[in-house]
Amino acid sequence: MQLINAENGIWLRVVNIRGGKGIAHKLRQLGLLPGDCTRVIRHAPLGGPLMIEVGGRVIAIGRGVASHIEVEVSECASL
């Protein structure tokens, strides 16, 4: 499933990042890599960004970028 379709508050593991080198590079700068655990904190209204938690930090990513991130439900709550 894509991160854009994930429900709020559910822990997810990043499986793959589809797209070009630009998207992968930007997500690496933000600290989001395949294998990392994340969760959606909130979907902003009116097509705004997603607020996600990664490594104890909350970051905002656009919906277009979120649609390129493949995730799966995981037991990451112990982080």
Protein backbone atom coordinates (compact mmCIF):
# COMPACT_ATOMS: atom_id res chain seq x y z
CA MET A 1 0.00 0.00 0.00
CA GLN A 2 1.14 3.58 -0.50
CA LEU A 3 1.74 5.90 2.43
CA ILE A 4 -0.88 8.30 1.05
CA ASN A 5 -3.55 5.62 1.71
CA ALA A 6 -2.48 4.78 5.27
CA GLU A 7 -4.70 5.56 8.24
CA ASN A 8 -3.56 7.89 11.00
CA GLY A 9 -1.69 6.39 13.95
CA ILE A 10 -0.87 2.96 12.49
CA TRP A 11 2.80 1.97 12.56
CA LEU A 12 4.19 1.14 9.11
CA ARG A 13 7.48 -0.10 7.72
CA VAL A 14 8.80 1.49 4.52
CA VAL A 15 9.16 -1.29 1.95
CA ASN A 16 10.19 0.62 -1.17
CA ILE A 17 10.50 4.13 -2.54
CA ARG A 18 9.40 4.32 -6.15
CA GLY A 19 10.29 7.23 -8.37
CA GLY A 20 13.43 8.95 -9.50
CA LYS A 21 16.67 9.82 -7.78
CA GLY A 22 15.28 13.18 -6.70
CA ILE A 23 12.53 11.71 -4.55
CA ALA A 24 14.85 9.11 -3.02
CA HIS A 25 17.48 11.77 -2.28
CA LYS A 26 14.97 14.13 -0.66
CA LEU A 27 13.58 11.36 1.54
CA ARG A 28 17.10 10.31 2.58
CA GLN A 29 17.75 13.92 3.64
CA LEU A 30 14.60 13.78 5.75
CA GLY A 31 15.74 10.49 7.33
CA LEU A 32 13.22 8.19 5.65
CA LEU A 33 14.79 5.03 4.21
CA PRO A 34 13.47 1.58 3.25
CA GLY A 35 13.20 -0.49 6.42
CA ASP A 36 12.38 2.50 8.64
CA CYS A 37 9.24 2.65 10.75
CA THR A 38 6.86 5.55 10.40
CA ARG A 39 3.28 6.52 11.06
CA VAL A 40 0.94 9.15 9.69
CA ILE A 41 0.10 11.72 12.33
CA ARG A 42 -2.37 13.63 10.20
CA HIS A 43 -3.61 14.22 6.66
CA ALA A 44 -3.89 17.98 6.13
CA PRO A 45 -7.21 19.08 4.58
CA LEU A 46 -7.70 20.41 1.05
CA GLY A 47 -4.86 18.41 -0.50
CA GLY A 48 -2.23 19.59 1.97
CA PRO A 49 0.79 17.58 3.13
CA LEU A 50 0.92 14.54 5.39
CA MET A 51 2.51 14.91 8.79
CA ILE A 52 4.47 11.75 9.54
CA GLU A 53 6.64 10.59 12.43
CA VAL A 54 10.07 9.22 11.53
CA GLY A 55 12.73 8.45 14.11
CA GLY A 56 11.00 10.49 16.80
CA ARG A 57 10.64 13.56 14.56
CA VAL A 58 7.55 14.86 12.81
CA ILE A 59 8.01 15.93 9.19
CA ALA A 60 5.66 17.08 6.44
CA ILE A 61 5.71 15.48 3.00
CA GLY A 62 3.55 16.27 0.02
CA ARG A 63 0.85 13.92 -1.20
CA GLY A 64 2.67 13.33 -4.48
CA VAL A 65 5.79 12.15 -2.65
CA ALA A 66 3.70 10.06 -0.23
CA SER A 67 2.16 8.24 -3.19
CA HIS A 68 5.67 6.99 -4.16
CA ILE A 69 6.36 5.43 -0.74
CA GLU A 70 5.29 1.78 -0.39
CA VAL A 71 4.62 0.65 3.18
CA GLU A 72 3.31 -2.34 5.09
CA VAL A 73 1.70 -2.58 8.52
CA SER A 74 4.34 -3.48 11.10
CA GLU A 75 4.91 -3.87 14.83
CA CYS A 76 7.11 -0.82 15.31
CA ALA A 77 5.39 0.64 18.37
CA SER A 78 8.34 -0.26 20.61
CA LEU A 79 10.48 2.47 19.03
